Amino acid sequence: MPTAYILNSCSTCQRILKELEWPHEVRNIKEENISEEVLDRLASEHGSYQALFSKRAMKYRSMGLNTMDLSEDDYKRYMLEEYTFLKRPIFIFDAISFVGNSKKTVDAVEQYMNQ
């Protein structure tokens, strides 16, 4: 079943769900962080854990991560420990996934849904 991973308090996530008229499952990553299995799948599909990591998160700078040379293991660990480091929204379908809130990504989700 297609699933969207969002942060309920994120107005951008809410706007995108409404825009897409998302009829499928929605998971709030603050209440239930993404699983390691799902994160591994996403990293495999998108080329790295770094591609899934949000450097916009407030904790990124407050924890000094912006001054560190993070490894793929570091990116994975931080995302599993703290939901805020996960780019969002994430849309997962059986064969493909989409990560982020860029117009290009949202358009791709919409196009995929309308196939």
PDB file of N, CA and C in Angstrom:
ATOM      1  N   MET A   1       0.842  -1.186   0.000  1.00  0.00           N
ATOM      2  CA  MET A   1       0.000   0.000   0.000  1.00  0.00           C
ATOM      3  C   MET A   1       0.886   1.247   0.000  1.00  0.00           C
ATOM      4  N   PRO A   2       0.610   2.218  -0.867  1.00  0.00           N
ATOM      5  CA  PRO A   2       1.380   3.462  -0.868  1.00  0.00           C
ATOM      6  C   PRO A   2       1.297   4.153   0.499  1.00  0.00           C
ATOM      7  N   THR A   3       2.413   4.733   0.884  1.00  0.00           N
ATOM      8  CA  THR A   3       2.499   5.387   2.188  1.00  0.00           C
ATOM      9  C   THR A   3       3.238   6.709   2.054  1.00  0.00           C
ATOM     10  N   ALA A   4       2.741   7.717   2.757  1.00  0.00           N
ATOM     11  CA  ALA A   4       3.425   9.004   2.848  1.00  0.00           C
ATOM     12  C   ALA A   4       3.969   9.146   4.259  1.00  0.00           C
ATOM     13  N   TYR A   5       5.231   9.491   4.373  1.00  0.00           N
ATOM     14  CA  TYR A   5       5.848   9.791   5.655  1.00  0.00           C
ATOM     15  C   TYR A   5       5.983  11.302   5.736  1.00  0.00           C
ATOM     16  N   ILE A   6       5.348  11.875   6.751  1.00  0.00           N
ATOM     17  CA  ILE A   6       5.327  13.332   6.903  1.00  0.00           C
ATOM     18  C   ILE A   6       5.550  13.702   8.368  1.00  0.00           C
ATOM     19  N   LEU A   7       5.662  14.973   8.596  1.00  0.00           N
ATOM     20  CA  LEU A   7       5.621  15.524   9.946  1.00  0.00           C
ATOM     21  C   LEU A   7       4.301  16.280  10.028  1.00  0.00           C
ATOM     22  N   ASN A   8       3.401  15.845  10.899  1.00  0.00           N
ATOM     23  CA  ASN A   8       2.060  16.435  10.971  1.00  0.00           C
ATOM     24  C   ASN A   8       2.075  17.945  11.172  1.00  0.00           C
ATOM     25  N   SER A   9       3.061  18.442  11.897  1.00  0.00           N
ATOM     26  CA  SER A   9       3.118  19.870  12.175  1.00  0.00           C
ATOM     27  C   SER A   9       3.747  20.683  11.047  1.00  0.00           C
ATOM     28  N   CYS A  10       4.167  20.024   9.994  1.00  0.00           N
ATOM     29  CA  CYS A  10       4.818  20.692   8.857  1.00  0.00           C
ATOM     30  C   CYS A  10       3.758  21.176   7.873  1.00  0.00           C
ATOM     31  N   SER A  11       3.636  22.481   7.732  1.00  0.00           N
ATOM     32  CA  SER A  11       2.616  23.037   6.836  1.00  0.00           C
ATOM     33  C   SER A  11       2.908  22.685   5.375  1.00  0.00           C
ATOM     34  N   THR A  12       4.151  22.547   5.020  1.00  0.00           N
ATOM     35  CA  THR A  12       4.498  22.164   3.651  1.00  0.00           C
ATOM     36  C   THR A  12       4.016  20.754   3.356  1.00  0.00           C
ATOM     37  N   CYS A  13       4.237  19.839   4.290  1.00  0.00           N
ATOM     38  CA  CYS A  13       3.756  18.459   4.120  1.00  0.00           C
ATOM     39  C   CYS A  13       2.239  18.434   3.987  1.00  0.00           C
ATOM     40  N   GLN A  14       1.557  19.177   4.833  1.00  0.00           N
ATOM     41  CA  GLN A  14       0.090  19.226   4.800  1.00  0.00           C
ATOM     42  C   GLN A  14      -0.399  19.789   3.469  1.00  0.00           C
ATOM     43  N   ARG A  15       0.254  20.852   2.991  1.00  0.00           N
ATOM     44  CA  ARG A  15      -0.128  21.464   1.715  1.00  0.00           C
ATOM     45  C   ARG A  15       0.045  20.477   0.561  1.00  0.00           C
ATOM     46  N   ILE A  16       1.167  19.748   0.555  1.00  0.00           N
ATOM     47  CA  ILE A  16       1.439  18.787  -0.515  1.00  0.00           C
ATOM     48  C   ILE A  16       0.425  17.645  -0.497  1.00  0.00           C
ATOM     49  N   LEU A  17       0.112  17.116   0.688  1.00  0.00           N
ATOM     50  CA  LEU A  17      -0.898  16.053   0.773  1.00  0.00           C
ATOM     51  C   LEU A  17      -2.234  16.526   0.210  1.00  0.00           C
ATOM     52  N   LYS A  18      -2.602  17.747   0.557  1.00  0.00           N
ATOM     53  CA  LYS A  18      -3.871  18.308   0.082  1.00  0.00           C
ATOM     54  C   LYS A  18      -3.828  18.506  -1.431  1.00  0.00           C
ATOM     55  N   GLU A  19      -2.717  19.039  -1.911  1.00  0.00           N
ATOM     56  CA  GLU A  19      -2.525  19.273  -3.340  1.00  0.00           C
ATOM     57  C   GLU A  19      -2.647  17.966  -4.140  1.00  0.00           C
ATOM     58  N   LEU A  20      -2.073  16.915  -3.608  1.00  0.00           N
ATOM     59  CA  LEU A  20      -2.096  15.613  -4.283  1.00  0.00           C
ATOM     60  C   LEU A  20      -3.413  14.861  -4.071  1.00  0.00           C
ATOM     61  N   GLU A  21      -4.215  15.345  -3.123  1.00  0.00           N
ATOM     62  CA  GLU A  21      -5.419  14.617  -2.709  1.00  0.00           C
ATOM     63  C   GLU A  21      -5.028  13.172  -2.364  1.00  0.00           C
ATOM     64  N   TRP A  22      -4.017  13.051  -1.522  1.00  0.00           N
ATOM     65  CA  TRP A  22      -3.413  11.765  -1.149  1.00  0.00           C
ATOM     66  C   TRP A  22      -4.442  10.864  -0.474  1.00  0.00           C
ATOM     67  N   PRO A  23      -4.817   9.746  -1.131  1.00  0.00           N
ATOM     68  CA  PRO A  23      -5.858   8.873  -0.582  1.00  0.00           C
ATOM     69  C   PRO A  23      -5.318   7.686   0.221  1.00  0.00           C
ATOM     70  N   HIS A  24      -4.021   7.614   0.376  1.00  0.00           N
ATOM     71  CA  HIS A  24      -3.400   6.431   0.960  1.00  0.00           C
ATOM     72  C   HIS A  24      -2.945   6.678   2.408  1.00  0.00           C
ATOM     73  N   GLU A  25      -2.233   5.709   2.939  1.00  0.00           N
ATOM     74  CA  GLU A  25      -1.756   5.778   4.319  1.00  0.00           C
ATOM     75  C   GLU A  25      -0.798   6.959   4.527  1.00  0.00           C
ATOM     76  N   VAL A  26      -0.915   7.578   5.687  1.00  0.00           N
ATOM     77  CA  VAL A  26      -0.029   8.675   6.083  1.00  0.00           C
ATOM     78  C   VAL A  26       0.547   8.332   7.446  1.00  0.00           C
ATOM     79  N   ARG A  27       1.869   8.435   7.557  1.00  0.00           N
ATOM     80  CA  ARG A  27       2.527   8.173   8.840  1.00  0.00           C
ATOM     81  C   ARG A  27       3.247   9.427   9.310  1.00  0.00           C
ATOM     82  N   ASN A  28       3.015   9.766  10.557  1.00  0.00           N
ATOM     83  CA  ASN A  28       3.665  10.914  11.177  1.00  0.00           C
ATOM     84  C   ASN A  28       5.003  10.457  11.757  1.00  0.00           C
ATOM     85  N   ILE A  29       6.109  10.942  11.191  1.00  0.00           N
ATOM     86  CA  ILE A  29       7.431  10.469  11.624  1.00  0.00           C
ATOM     87  C   ILE A  29       7.787  10.910  13.042  1.00  0.00           C
ATOM     88  N   LYS A  30       7.083  11.886  13.568  1.00  0.00           N
ATOM     89  CA  LYS A  30       7.339  12.294  14.953  1.00  0.00           C
ATOM     90  C   LYS A  30       6.802  11.258  15.931  1.00  0.00           C
ATOM     91  N   GLU A  31       5.676  10.646  15.590  1.00  0.00           N
ATOM     92  CA  GLU A  31       5.073   9.630  16.448  1.00  0.00           C
ATOM     93  C   GLU A  31       5.692   8.256  16.231  1.00  0.00           C
ATOM     94  N   GLU A  32       6.049   7.980  14.996  1.00  0.00           N
ATOM     95  CA  GLU A  32       6.620   6.682  14.652  1.00  0.00           C
ATOM     96  C   GLU A  32       7.720   6.925  13.616  1.00  0.00           C
ATOM     97  N   ASN A  33       8.960   6.991  14.087  1.00  0.00           N
ATOM     98  CA  ASN A  33      10.071   7.260  13.173  1.00  0.00           C
ATOM     99  C   ASN A  33      10.149   6.167  12.118  1.00  0.00           C
ATOM    100  N   ILE A  34      10.733   6.500  11.011  1.00  0.00           N
ATOM    101  CA  ILE A  34      10.876   5.556   9.906  1.00  0.00           C
ATOM    102  C   ILE A  34      11.717   4.360  10.355  1.00  0.00           C
ATOM    103  N   SER A  35      11.398   3.196   9.848  1.00  0.00           N
ATOM    104  CA  SER A  35      12.125   1.988  10.255  1.00  0.00           C
ATOM    105  C   SER A  35      13.453   1.884   9.500  1.00  0.00           C
ATOM    106  N   GLU A  36      14.355   1.118  10.057  1.00  0.00           N
ATOM    107  CA  GLU A  36      15.647   0.910   9.408  1.00  0.00           C
ATOM    108  C   GLU A  36      15.461   0.228   8.059  1.00  0.00           C
ATOM    109  N   GLU A  37      14.534  -0.698   7.992  1.00  0.00           N
ATOM    110  CA  GLU A  37      14.267  -1.415   6.736  1.00  0.00           C
ATOM    111  C   GLU A  37      13.827  -0.446   5.629  1.00  0.00           C
ATOM    112  N   VAL A  38      12.909   0.442   5.955  1.00  0.00           N
ATOM    113  CA  VAL A  38      12.424   1.421   4.974  1.00  0.00           C
ATOM    114  C   VAL A  38      13.538   2.393   4.618  1.00  0.00           C
ATOM    115  N   LEU A  39      14.290   2.839   5.599  1.00  0.00           N
ATOM    116  CA  LEU A  39      15.392   3.762   5.347  1.00  0.00           C
ATOM    117  C   LEU A  39      16.435   3.122   4.430  1.00  0.00           C
ATOM    118  N   ASP A  40      16.738   1.840   4.649  1.00  0.00           N
ATOM    119  CA  ASP A  40      17.691   1.131   3.788  1.00  0.00           C
ATOM    120  C   ASP A  40      17.184   1.057   2.350  1.00  0.00           C
ATOM    121  N   ARG A  41      15.896   0.778   2.189  1.00  0.00           N
ATOM    122  CA  ARG A  41      15.307   0.727   0.843  1.00  0.00           C
ATOM    123  C   ARG A  41      15.436   2.077   0.150  1.00  0.00           C
ATOM    124  N   LEU A  42      15.107   3.139   0.880  1.00  0.00           N
ATOM    125  CA  LEU A  42      15.178   4.481   0.311  1.00  0.00           C
ATOM    126  C   LEU A  42      16.607   4.850  -0.086  1.00  0.00           C
ATOM    127  N   ALA A  43      17.561   4.516   0.775  1.00  0.00           N
ATOM    128  CA  ALA A  43      18.969   4.819   0.472  1.00  0.00           C
ATOM    129  C   ALA A  43      19.422   4.071  -0.768  1.00  0.00           C
ATOM    130  N   SER A  44      18.980   2.847  -0.906  1.00  0.00           N
ATOM    131  CA  SER A  44      19.314   2.047  -2.084  1.00  0.00           C
ATOM    132  C   SER A  44      18.724   2.684  -3.351  1.00  0.00           C
ATOM    133  N   GLU A  45      17.476   3.108  -3.273  1.00  0.00           N
ATOM    134  CA  GLU A  45      16.808   3.706  -4.432  1.00  0.00           C
ATOM    135  C   GLU A  45      17.363   5.084  -4.798  1.00  0.00           C
ATOM    136  N   HIS A  46      17.748   5.855  -3.790  1.00  0.00           N
ATOM    137  CA  HIS A  46      18.172   7.239  -4.024  1.00  0.00           C
ATOM    138  C   HIS A  46      19.686   7.426  -3.989  1.00  0.00           C
ATOM    139  N   GLY A  47      20.416   6.331  -3.830  1.00  0.00           N
ATOM    140  CA  GLY A  47      21.864   6.383  -3.987  1.00  0.00           C
ATOM    141  C   GLY A  47      22.687   6.566  -2.732  1.00  0.00           C
ATOM    142  N   SER A  48      22.073   7.035  -1.655  1.00  0.00           N
ATOM    143  CA  SER A  48      22.836   7.230  -0.420  1.00  0.00           C
ATOM    144  C   SER A  48      21.898   7.637   0.714  1.00  0.00           C
ATOM    145  N   TYR A  49      22.428   7.540   1.930  1.00  0.00           N
ATOM    146  CA  TYR A  49      21.683   8.046   3.094  1.00  0.00           C
ATOM    147  C   TYR A  49      21.738   9.567   3.098  1.00  0.00           C
ATOM    148  N   GLN A  50      22.826  10.110   2.617  1.00  0.00           N
ATOM    149  CA  GLN A  50      22.978  11.558   2.575  1.00  0.00           C
ATOM    150  C   GLN A  50      21.872  12.202   1.732  1.00  0.00           C
ATOM    151  N   ALA A  51      21.430  11.523   0.678  1.00  0.00           N
ATOM    152  CA  ALA A  51      20.368  12.047  -0.180  1.00  0.00           C
ATOM    153  C   ALA A  51      19.034  12.176   0.558  1.00  0.00           C
ATOM    154  N   LEU A  52      18.903  11.465   1.672  1.00  0.00           N
ATOM    155  CA  LEU A  52      17.666  11.468   2.458  1.00  0.00           C
ATOM    156  C   LEU A  52      17.758  12.396   3.667  1.00  0.00           C
ATOM    157  N   PHE A  53      18.923  12.941   3.908  1.00  0.00           N
ATOM    158  CA  PHE A  53      19.216  13.708   5.117  1.00  0.00           C
ATOM    159  C   PHE A  53      18.894  15.183   4.909  1.00  0.00           C
ATOM    160  N   SER A  54      18.154  15.757   5.846  1.00  0.00           N
ATOM    161  CA  SER A  54      17.796  17.172   5.772  1.00  0.00           C
ATOM    162  C   SER A  54      18.809  18.027   6.515  1.00  0.00           C
ATOM    163  N   LYS A  55      19.544  18.807   5.765  1.00  0.00           N
ATOM    164  CA  LYS A  55      20.502  19.738   6.373  1.00  0.00           C
ATOM    165  C   LYS A  55      19.811  21.037   6.773  1.00  0.00           C
ATOM    166  N   ARG A  56      18.515  21.128   6.536  1.00  0.00           N
ATOM    167  CA  ARG A  56      17.722  22.285   6.964  1.00  0.00           C
ATOM    168  C   ARG A  56      17.260  22.148   8.411  1.00  0.00           C
ATOM    169  N   ALA A  57      17.354  20.954   8.955  1.00  0.00           N
ATOM    170  CA  ALA A  57      16.899  20.716  10.328  1.00  0.00           C
ATOM    171  C   ALA A  57      17.649  21.625  11.294  1.00  0.00           C
ATOM    172  N   MET A  58      16.920  22.205  12.233  1.00  0.00           N
ATOM    173  CA  MET A  58      17.532  23.114  13.205  1.00  0.00           C
ATOM    174  C   MET A  58      18.644  22.419  13.993  1.00  0.00           C
ATOM    175  N   LYS A  59      18.447  21.152  14.283  1.00  0.00           N
ATOM    176  CA  LYS A  59      19.441  20.415  15.064  1.00  0.00           C
ATOM    177  C   LYS A  59      20.748  20.184  14.294  1.00  0.00           C
ATOM    178  N   TYR A  60      20.704  20.285  12.978  1.00  0.00           N
ATOM    179  CA  TYR A  60      21.895  20.072  12.166  1.00  0.00           C
ATOM    180  C   TYR A  60      22.997  21.044  12.578  1.00  0.00           C
ATOM    181  N   ARG A  61      22.639  22.296  12.740  1.00  0.00           N
ATOM    182  CA  ARG A  61      23.625  23.302  13.167  1.00  0.00           C
ATOM    183  C   ARG A  61      23.816  23.296  14.689  1.00  0.00           C
ATOM    184  N   SER A  62      22.720  23.159  15.425  1.00  0.00           N
ATOM    185  CA  SER A  62      22.832  23.238  16.888  1.00  0.00           C
ATOM    186  C   SER A  62      23.680  22.099  17.458  1.00  0.00           C
ATOM    187  N   MET A  63      23.694  20.959  16.774  1.00  0.00           N
ATOM    188  CA  MET A  63      24.522  19.835  17.217  1.00  0.00           C
ATOM    189  C   MET A  63      25.925  19.889  16.619  1.00  0.00           C
ATOM    190  N   GLY A  64      26.172  20.899  15.787  1.00  0.00           N
ATOM    191  CA  GLY A  64      27.482  21.055  15.179  1.00  0.00           C
ATOM    192  C   GLY A  64      27.764  20.082  14.043  1.00  0.00           C
ATOM    193  N   LEU A  65      26.724  19.448  13.530  1.00  0.00           N
ATOM    194  CA  LEU A  65      26.927  18.466  12.464  1.00  0.00           C
ATOM    195  C   LEU A  65      27.413  19.127  11.183  1.00  0.00           C
ATOM    196  N   ASN A  66      27.088  20.403  11.009  1.00  0.00           N
ATOM    197  CA  ASN A  66      27.509  21.123   9.815  1.00  0.00           C
ATOM    198  C   ASN A  66      29.023  21.305   9.742  1.00  0.00           C
ATOM    199  N   THR A  67      29.707  21.121  10.854  1.00  0.00           N
ATOM    200  CA  THR A  67      31.166  21.272  10.869  1.00  0.00           C
ATOM    201  C   THR A  67      31.885  19.923  10.829  1.00  0.00           C
ATOM    202  N   MET A  68      31.123  18.843  10.794  1.00  0.00           N
ATOM    203  CA  MET A  68      31.698  17.496  10.801  1.00  0.00           C
ATOM    204  C   MET A  68      31.677  16.893   9.401  1.00  0.00           C
ATOM    205  N   ASP A  69      32.575  15.964   9.182  1.00  0.00           N
ATOM    206  CA  ASP A  69      32.604  15.190   7.946  1.00  0.00           C
ATOM    207  C   ASP A  69      31.843  13.896   8.225  1.00  0.00           C
ATOM    208  N   LEU A  70      30.558  13.892   7.909  1.00  0.00           N
ATOM    209  CA  LEU A  70      29.698  12.756   8.252  1.00  0.00           C
ATOM    210  C   LEU A  70      29.832  11.639   7.222  1.00  0.00           C
ATOM    211  N   SER A  71      29.840  10.406   7.715  1.00  0.00           N
ATOM    212  CA  SER A  71      29.876   9.228   6.849  1.00  0.00           C
ATOM    213  C   SER A  71      28.445   8.781   6.562  1.00  0.00           C
ATOM    214  N   GLU A  72      28.290   7.840   5.644  1.00  0.00           N
ATOM    215  CA  GLU A  72      26.971   7.278   5.363  1.00  0.00           C
ATOM    216  C   GLU A  72      26.379   6.650   6.626  1.00  0.00           C
ATOM    217  N   ASP A  73      27.209   5.976   7.413  1.00  0.00           N
ATOM    218  CA  ASP A  73      26.731   5.386   8.675  1.00  0.00           C
ATOM    219  C   ASP A  73      26.231   6.462   9.630  1.00  0.00           C
ATOM    220  N   ASP A  74      26.921   7.610   9.647  1.00  0.00           N
ATOM    221  CA  ASP A  74      26.492   8.724  10.501  1.00  0.00           C
ATOM    222  C   ASP A  74      25.121   9.243  10.061  1.00  0.00           C
ATOM    223  N   TYR A  75      24.970   9.466   8.762  1.00  0.00           N
ATOM    224  CA  TYR A  75      23.678   9.956   8.259  1.00  0.00           C
ATOM    225  C   TYR A  75      22.561   8.996   8.641  1.00  0.00           C
ATOM    226  N   LYS A  76      22.790   7.718   8.434  1.00  0.00           N
ATOM    227  CA  LYS A  76      21.787   6.707   8.754  1.00  0.00           C
ATOM    228  C   LYS A  76      21.452   6.738  10.249  1.00  0.00           C
ATOM    229  N   ARG A  77      22.481   6.736  11.078  1.00  0.00           N
ATOM    230  CA  ARG A  77      22.282   6.715  12.537  1.00  0.00           C
ATOM    231  C   ARG A  77      21.479   7.931  13.000  1.00  0.00           C
ATOM    232  N   TYR A  78      21.848   9.123  12.514  1.00  0.00           N
ATOM    233  CA  TYR A  78      21.139  10.327  12.940  1.00  0.00           C
ATOM    234  C   TYR A  78      19.677  10.312  12.505  1.00  0.00           C
ATOM    235  N   MET A  79      19.399   9.822  11.312  1.00  0.00           N
ATOM    236  CA  MET A  79      18.004   9.775  10.856  1.00  0.00           C
ATOM    237  C   MET A  79      17.190   8.762  11.650  1.00  0.00           C
ATOM    238  N   LEU A  80      17.803   7.656  12.041  1.00  0.00           N
ATOM    239  CA  LEU A  80      17.083   6.666  12.839  1.00  0.00           C
ATOM    240  C   LEU A  80      16.874   7.141  14.275  1.00  0.00           C
ATOM    241  N   GLU A  81      17.795   7.960  14.785  1.00  0.00           N
ATOM    242  CA  GLU A  81      17.685   8.470  16.150  1.00  0.00           C
ATOM    243  C   GLU A  81      16.746   9.667  16.255  1.00  0.00           C
ATOM    244  N   GLU A  82      16.696  10.490  15.217  1.00  0.00           N
ATOM    245  CA  GLU A  82      15.972  11.752  15.299  1.00  0.00           C
ATOM    246  C   GLU A  82      15.213  12.017  14.000  1.00  0.00           C
ATOM    247  N   TYR A  83      13.892  11.995  14.077  1.00  0.00           N
ATOM    248  CA  TYR A  83      13.042  12.170  12.898  1.00  0.00           C
ATOM    249  C   TYR A  83      13.315  13.459  12.135  1.00  0.00           C
ATOM    250  N   THR A  84      13.769  14.484  12.823  1.00  0.00           N
ATOM    251  CA  THR A  84      13.923  15.800  12.202  1.00  0.00           C
ATOM    252  C   THR A  84      14.969  15.813  11.090  1.00  0.00           C
ATOM    253  N   PHE A  85      15.863  14.823  11.065  1.00  0.00           N
ATOM    254  CA  PHE A  85      16.904  14.785  10.042  1.00  0.00           C
ATOM    255  C   PHE A  85      16.441  14.152   8.738  1.00  0.00           C
ATOM    256  N   LEU A  86      15.249  13.655   8.699  1.00  0.00           N
ATOM    257  CA  LEU A  86      14.724  12.994   7.510  1.00  0.00           C
ATOM    258  C   LEU A  86      14.078  14.021   6.584  1.00  0.00           C
ATOM    259  N   LYS A  87      14.503  14.039   5.319  1.00  0.00           N
ATOM    260  CA  LYS A  87      13.840  14.910   4.350  1.00  0.00           C
ATOM    261  C   LYS A  87      12.389  14.477   4.252  1.00  0.00           C
ATOM    262  N   ARG A  88      11.525  15.423   4.007  1.00  0.00           N
ATOM    263  CA  ARG A  88      10.113  15.100   3.933  1.00  0.00           C
ATOM    264  C   ARG A  88       9.402  16.024   2.971  1.00  0.00           C
ATOM    265  N   PRO A  89       8.267  15.575   2.493  1.00  0.00           N
ATOM    266  CA  PRO A  89       7.642  14.279   2.715  1.00  0.00           C
ATOM    267  C   PRO A  89       8.320  13.177   1.902  1.00  0.00           C
ATOM    268  N   ILE A  90       8.002  11.955   2.267  1.00  0.00           N
ATOM    269  CA  ILE A  90       8.463  10.779   1.529  1.00  0.00           C
ATOM    270  C   ILE A  90       7.222  10.029   1.080  1.00  0.00           C
ATOM    271  N   PHE A  91       7.180   9.694  -0.194  1.00  0.00           N
ATOM    272  CA  PHE A  91       6.077   8.934  -0.759  1.00  0.00           C
ATOM    273  C   PHE A  91       6.628   7.607  -1.252  1.00  0.00           C
ATOM    274  N   ILE A  92       6.100   6.519  -0.721  1.00  0.00           N
ATOM    275  CA  ILE A  92       6.581   5.197  -1.089  1.00  0.00           C
ATOM    276  C   ILE A  92       5.460   4.406  -1.753  1.00  0.00           C
ATOM    277  N   PHE A  93       5.749   3.955  -2.958  1.00  0.00           N
ATOM    278  CA  PHE A  93       4.856   3.075  -3.707  1.00  0.00           C
ATOM    279  C   PHE A  93       5.556   1.717  -3.802  1.00  0.00           C
ATOM    280  N   ASP A  94       4.891   0.725  -4.354  1.00  0.00           N
ATOM    281  CA  ASP A  94       5.497  -0.602  -4.465  1.00  0.00           C
ATOM    282  C   ASP A  94       6.827  -0.574  -5.208  1.00  0.00           C
ATOM    283  N   ALA A  95       6.883   0.131  -6.340  1.00  0.00           N
ATOM    284  CA  ALA A  95       8.051   0.055  -7.215  1.00  0.00           C
ATOM    285  C   ALA A  95       8.966   1.274  -7.159  1.00  0.00           C
ATOM    286  N   ILE A  96       8.526   2.342  -6.525  1.00  0.00           N
ATOM    287  CA  ILE A  96       9.286   3.585  -6.577  1.00  0.00           C
ATOM    288  C   ILE A  96       9.000   4.427  -5.339  1.00  0.00           C
ATOM    289  N   SER A  97       9.914   5.336  -5.042  1.00  0.00           N
ATOM    290  CA  SER A  97       9.697   6.270  -3.933  1.00  0.00           C
ATOM    291  C   SER A  97      10.141   7.666  -4.355  1.00  0.00           C
ATOM    292  N   PHE A  98       9.615   8.650  -3.653  1.00  0.00           N
ATOM    293  CA  PHE A  98       9.925  10.048  -3.926  1.00  0.00           C
ATOM    294  C   PHE A  98      10.233  10.720  -2.591  1.00  0.00           C
ATOM    295  N   VAL A  99      11.282  11.545  -2.568  1.00  0.00           N
ATOM    296  CA  VAL A  99      11.714  12.174  -1.325  1.00  0.00           C
ATOM    297  C   VAL A  99      11.864  13.672  -1.534  1.00  0.00           C
ATOM    298  N   GLY A 100      11.266  14.436  -0.639  1.00  0.00           N
ATOM    299  CA  GLY A 100      11.448  15.882  -0.648  1.00  0.00           C
ATOM    300  C   GLY A 100      10.218  16.641  -1.089  1.00  0.00           C
ATOM    301  N   ASN A 101      10.328  17.964  -1.016  1.00  0.00           N
ATOM    302  CA  ASN A 101       9.171  18.821  -1.271  1.00  0.00           C
ATOM    303  C   ASN A 101       9.355  19.761  -2.449  1.00  0.00           C
ATOM    304  N   SER A 102      10.345  19.494  -3.297  1.00  0.00           N
ATOM    305  CA  SER A 102      10.535  20.362  -4.458  1.00  0.00           C
ATOM    306  C   SER A 102       9.360  20.207  -5.411  1.00  0.00           C
ATOM    307  N   LYS A 103       9.121  21.211  -6.199  1.00  0.00           N
ATOM    308  CA  LYS A 103       8.025  21.164  -7.175  1.00  0.00           C
ATOM    309  C   LYS A 103       8.222  19.992  -8.126  1.00  0.00           C
ATOM    310  N   LYS A 104       9.442  19.768  -8.533  1.00  0.00           N
ATOM    311  CA  LYS A 104       9.754  18.665  -9.450  1.00  0.00           C
ATOM    312  C   LYS A 104       9.361  17.316  -8.831  1.00  0.00           C
ATOM    313  N   THR A 105       9.657  17.132  -7.553  1.00  0.00           N
ATOM    314  CA  THR A 105       9.328  15.886  -6.863  1.00  0.00           C
ATOM    315  C   THR A 105       7.823  15.723  -6.715  1.00  0.00           C
ATOM    316  N   VAL A 106       7.147  16.770  -6.299  1.00  0.00           N
ATOM    317  CA  VAL A 106       5.689  16.710  -6.125  1.00  0.00           C
ATOM    318  C   VAL A 106       5.007  16.447  -7.468  1.00  0.00           C
ATOM    319  N   ASP A 107       5.494  17.083  -8.524  1.00  0.00           N
ATOM    320  CA  ASP A 107       4.940  16.840  -9.863  1.00  0.00           C
ATOM    321  C   ASP A 107       5.153  15.387 -10.281  1.00  0.00           C
ATOM    322  N   ALA A 108       6.306  14.825  -9.945  1.00  0.00           N
ATOM    323  CA  ALA A 108       6.604  13.428 -10.281  1.00  0.00           C
ATOM    324  C   ALA A 108       5.671  12.479  -9.527  1.00  0.00           C
ATOM    325  N   VAL A 109       5.398  12.774  -8.262  1.00  0.00           N
ATOM    326  CA  VAL A 109       4.454  11.959  -7.483  1.00  0.00           C
ATOM    327  C   VAL A 109       3.079  12.015  -8.131  1.00  0.00           C
ATOM    328  N   GLU A 110       2.638  13.214  -8.468  1.00  0.00           N
ATOM    329  CA  GLU A 110       1.327  13.379  -9.081  1.00  0.00           C
ATOM    330  C   GLU A 110       1.240  12.626 -10.405  1.00  0.00           C
ATOM    331  N   GLN A 111       2.277  12.747 -11.214  1.00  0.00           N
ATOM    332  CA  GLN A 111       2.302  12.050 -12.491  1.00  0.00           C
ATOM    333  C   GLN A 111       2.259  10.537 -12.290  1.00  0.00           C
ATOM    334  N   TYR A 112       3.016  10.049 -11.320  1.00  0.00           N
ATOM    335  CA  TYR A 112       3.021   8.614 -11.036  1.00  0.00           C
ATOM    336  C   TYR A 112       1.639   8.147 -10.583  1.00  0.00           C
ATOM    337  N   MET A 113       0.997   8.930  -9.740  1.00  0.00           N
ATOM    338  CA  MET A 113      -0.333   8.560  -9.241  1.00  0.00           C
ATOM    339  C   MET A 113      -1.377   8.534 -10.363  1.00  0.00           C
ATOM    340  N   ASN A 114      -1.168   9.334 -11.380  1.00  0.00           N
ATOM    341  CA  ASN A 114      -2.151   9.460 -12.458  1.00  0.00           C
ATOM    342  C   ASN A 114      -1.888   8.537 -13.645  1.00  0.00           C
ATOM    343  N   GLN A 115      -0.953   7.624 -13.499  1.00  0.00           N
ATOM    344  CA  GLN A 115      -0.655   6.683 -14.583  1.00  0.00           C
ATOM    345  C   GLN A 115      -1.813   5.747 -14.823  1.00  0.00           C
TER     346      GLN A 115
END
